[in-house]
C-alpha atoms as a PDB file:
ATOM      1  CA  MET A   1     -89.134  68.230  38.082  1.00  0.00           C
ATOM      2  CA  GLU A   2     -88.865  64.798  36.346  1.00  0.00           C
ATOM      3  CA  ILE A   3     -90.763  66.120  33.350  1.00  0.00           C
ATOM      4  CA  ILE A   4     -88.744  69.130  32.585  1.00  0.00           C
ATOM      5  CA  LYS A   5     -85.502  66.385  32.896  1.00  0.00           C
ATOM      6  CA  ASN A   6     -87.179  64.312  30.335  1.00  0.00           C
ATOM      7  CA  LEU A   7     -88.109  67.323  28.482  1.00  0.00           C
ATOM      8  CA  ALA A   8     -85.036  68.870  28.172  1.00  0.00           C
ATOM      9  CA  LEU A   9     -83.237  65.194  27.148  1.00  0.00           C
ATOM     10  CA  ALA A  10     -85.326  64.918  24.473  1.00  0.00           C
ATOM     11  CA  THR A  11     -85.093  67.975  22.945  1.00  0.00           C
ATOM     12  CA  ASP A  12     -81.294  67.331  23.200  1.00  0.00           C
ATOM     13  CA  VAL A  13     -81.390  64.303  21.056  1.00  0.00           C
ATOM     14  CA  ALA A  14     -84.008  65.315  18.557  1.00  0.00           C
ATOM     15  CA  THR A  15     -81.947  68.771  17.710  1.00  0.00           C
ATOM     16  CA  LYS A  16     -78.535  67.345  17.903  1.00  0.00           C
ATOM     17  CA  THR A  17     -76.815  67.595  14.433  1.00  0.00           C
ATOM     18  CA  PRO A  18     -73.993  64.667  13.905  1.00  0.00           C
ATOM     19  CA  ASP A  19     -70.205  65.656  14.390  1.00  0.00           C
ATOM     20  CA  TRP A  20     -69.390  64.675  10.576  1.00  0.00           C
ATOM     21  CA  MET A  21     -72.284  66.970   9.422  1.00  0.00           C
ATOM     22  CA  VAL A  22     -70.719  70.181  11.610  1.00  0.00           C
ATOM     23  CA  VAL A  23     -67.219  69.518   9.741  1.00  0.00           C
ATOM     24  CA  VAL A  24     -68.707  68.934   6.338  1.00  0.00           C
ATOM     25  CA  MET A  25     -70.463  72.336   6.749  1.00  0.00           C
ATOM     26  CA  GLY A  26     -67.744  74.046   8.309  1.00  0.00           C
ATOM     27  CA  VAL A  27     -65.440  72.981   5.677  1.00  0.00           C
ATOM     28  CA  GLY A  28     -68.078  73.730   2.918  1.00  0.00           C
ATOM     29  CA  VAL A  29     -68.552  77.467   4.044  1.00  0.00           C
ATOM     30  CA  VAL A  30     -64.698  77.992   4.375  1.00  0.00           C
ATOM     31  CA  PHE A  31     -64.058  77.028   0.472  1.00  0.00           C
ATOM     32  CA  VAL A  32     -67.116  78.615  -0.813  1.00  0.00           C
ATOM     33  CA  GLY A  33     -66.293  81.827   0.787  1.00  0.00           C
ATOM     34  CA  LEU A  34     -62.610  81.573  -0.606  1.00  0.00           C
ATOM     35  CA  ILE A  35     -64.039  80.742  -4.095  1.00  0.00           C
ATOM     36  CA  LEU A  36     -66.140  83.865  -4.054  1.00  0.00           C
ATOM     37  CA  ILE A  37     -63.172  86.042  -3.131  1.00  0.00           C
ATOM     38  CA  ILE A  38     -61.511  84.368  -5.612  1.00  0.00           C
ATOM     39  CA  LEU A  39     -64.132  85.378  -8.427  1.00  0.00           C
ATOM     40  CA  ILE A  40     -64.632  88.717  -6.757  1.00  0.00           C
ATOM     41  CA  CYS A  41     -60.816  89.643  -7.365  1.00  0.00           C
ATOM     42  CA  LYS A  42     -61.137  88.215 -11.162  1.00  0.00           C
ATOM     43  CA  ILE A  43     -64.138  90.569 -11.774  1.00  0.00           C
ATOM     44  CA  MET A  44     -62.424  93.450 -10.195  1.00  0.00           C
ATOM     45  CA  GLY A  45     -59.427  92.879 -12.151  1.00  0.00           C
ATOM     46  CA  ALA A  46     -61.353  92.668 -15.563  1.00  0.00           C
ATOM     47  CA  PHE A  47     -63.195  95.776 -14.303  1.00  0.00           C
ATOM     48  CA  PHE A  48     -60.094  97.736 -13.907  1.00  0.00           C
ATOM     49  CA  ALA A  49     -57.654  96.004 -16.645  1.00  0.00           C
ATOM     50  CA  GLY A  50     -59.396  98.397 -19.257  1.00  0.00           C
ATOM     51  CA  LYS A  51     -58.566 101.654 -17.055  1.00  0.00           C
ATOM     52  CA  THR A  52     -55.072 101.593 -17.657  1.00  0.00           C
ATOM     53  CA  LYS A  53     -53.160 103.821 -19.653  1.00  0.00           C
ATOM     54  CA  THR A  54     -51.639 102.484 -22.485  1.00  0.00           C
ATOM     55  CA  ASP A  55     -48.364 103.376 -24.277  1.00  0.00           C
ATOM     56  CA  GLU A  56     -50.261 104.767 -27.168  1.00  0.00           C
ATOM     57  CA  SER A  57     -52.047 107.595 -25.030  1.00  0.00           C
ATOM     58  CA  LYS A  58     -48.483 109.074 -24.202  1.00  0.00           C
ATOM     59  CA  PRO A  59     -47.030 111.562 -25.921  1.00  0.00           C
ATOM     60  CA  ALA A  60     -44.297 110.891 -27.964  1.00  0.00           C
ATOM     61  CA  VAL A  61     -40.932 111.715 -26.585  1.00  0.00           C
ATOM     62  CA  THR A  62     -38.935 114.032 -28.744  1.00  0.00           C
ATOM     63  CA  GLN A  63     -35.222 114.935 -28.531  1.00  0.00           C
ATOM     64  CA  ALA A  64     -35.004 118.733 -27.537  1.00  0.00           C
ATOM     65  CA  PRO A  65     -32.783 120.398 -30.513  1.00  0.00           C
ATOM     66  CA  VAL A  66     -29.265 121.323 -29.804  1.00  0.00           C
ATOM     67  CA  VAL A  67     -28.749 125.042 -29.127  1.00  0.00           C
ATOM     68  CA  ALA A  68     -25.384 126.690 -28.689  1.00  0.00           C
ATOM     69  CA  SER A  69     -24.817 127.401 -25.184  1.00  0.00           C
ATOM     70  CA  LYS A  70     -22.841 130.044 -23.892  1.00  0.00           C
ATOM     71  CA  PRO A  71     -20.031 129.298 -21.261  1.00  0.00           C
ATOM     72  CA  ILE A  72     -21.189 129.489 -17.572  1.00  0.00           C
ATOM     73  CA  GLU A  73     -19.738 132.440 -16.124  1.00  0.00           C
ATOM     74  CA  ASN A  74     -19.414 131.648 -12.332  1.00  0.00           C
ATOM     75  CA  ARG A  75     -18.852 127.923 -12.634  1.00  0.00           C
ATOM     76  CA  GLN A  76     -16.805 127.203  -9.697  1.00  0.00           C
ATOM     77  CA  GLU A  77     -19.294 129.015  -7.374  1.00  0.00           C
ATOM     78  CA  ILE A  78     -22.173 126.698  -8.646  1.00  0.00           C
ATOM     79  CA  ILE A  79     -20.156 124.208  -8.636  1.00  0.00           C
ATOM     80  CA  ALA A  80     -19.547 124.768  -4.630  1.00  0.00           C
ATOM     81  CA  ALA A  81     -23.209 125.476  -4.036  1.00  0.00           C
ATOM     82  CA  VAL A  82     -24.485 122.412  -5.677  1.00  0.00           C
ATOM     83  CA  THR A  83     -21.822 120.203  -4.056  1.00  0.00           C
ATOM     84  CA  ALA A  84     -22.578 121.997  -0.688  1.00  0.00           C
ATOM     85  CA  VAL A  85     -26.265 120.715  -0.875  1.00  0.00           C
ATOM     86  CA  CYS A  86     -25.472 117.517  -1.683  1.00  0.00           C
ATOM     87  CA  ALA A  87     -23.172 117.000   1.203  1.00  0.00           C
ATOM     88  CA  GLU A  88     -25.765 118.329   3.312  1.00  0.00           C
ATOM     89  CA  GLU A  89     -28.541 115.783   2.029  1.00  0.00           C
ATOM     90  CA  MET A  90     -26.015 113.144   2.407  1.00  0.00           C
ATOM     91  CA  GLY A  91     -25.212 114.049   5.466  1.00  0.00           C
ATOM     92  CA  LYS A  92     -21.307 113.872   4.630  1.00  0.00           C
ATOM     93  CA  ASP A  93     -18.308 116.338   4.997  1.00  0.00           C
ATOM     94  CA  VAL A  94     -18.256 118.592   1.677  1.00  0.00           C
ATOM     95  CA  SER A  95     -14.366 117.423   1.420  1.00  0.00           C
ATOM     96  CA  ALA A  96     -15.763 113.899   0.776  1.00  0.00           C
ATOM     97  CA  ILE A  97     -17.325 114.744  -2.491  1.00  0.00           C
ATOM     98  CA  ARG A  98     -15.772 115.062  -5.955  1.00  0.00           C
ATOM     99  CA  VAL A  99     -17.212 116.252  -8.637  1.00  0.00           C
ATOM    100  CA  ILE A 100     -16.112 114.549 -11.585  1.00  0.00           C
ATOM    101  CA  SER A 101     -18.204 116.398 -14.203  1.00  0.00           C
ATOM    102  CA  PHE A 102     -20.623 119.113 -14.320  1.00  0.00           C
ATOM    103  CA  LYS A 103     -22.807 119.646 -17.369  1.00  0.00           C
ATOM    104  CA  LYS A 104     -25.635 122.267 -18.211  1.00  0.00           C
ATOM    105  CA  LEU A 105     -28.706 120.567 -19.190  1.00  0.00           C
END
């Protein structure tokens, strides 16, 4: 029995890592991991930076030609319908909404 105790004690002394080494390894692993995450983010950013659309690829916006329009026949009915829909979406009473202007686009 004493031989087993001596063997266990000898094994613990021989394989015991100093405390400062455990701290240095732990901090080193954390910082190496953080540096690797930063590098991966930079590489992914550089890879996807070329994939974004530029303003040159968008078609030029041209102004629509002005066309003489005929007057709206059911103007009051259309305004009433649009106001009712807006009131329903906003959760308000129809009488609480005022129409300032109504233009055909």
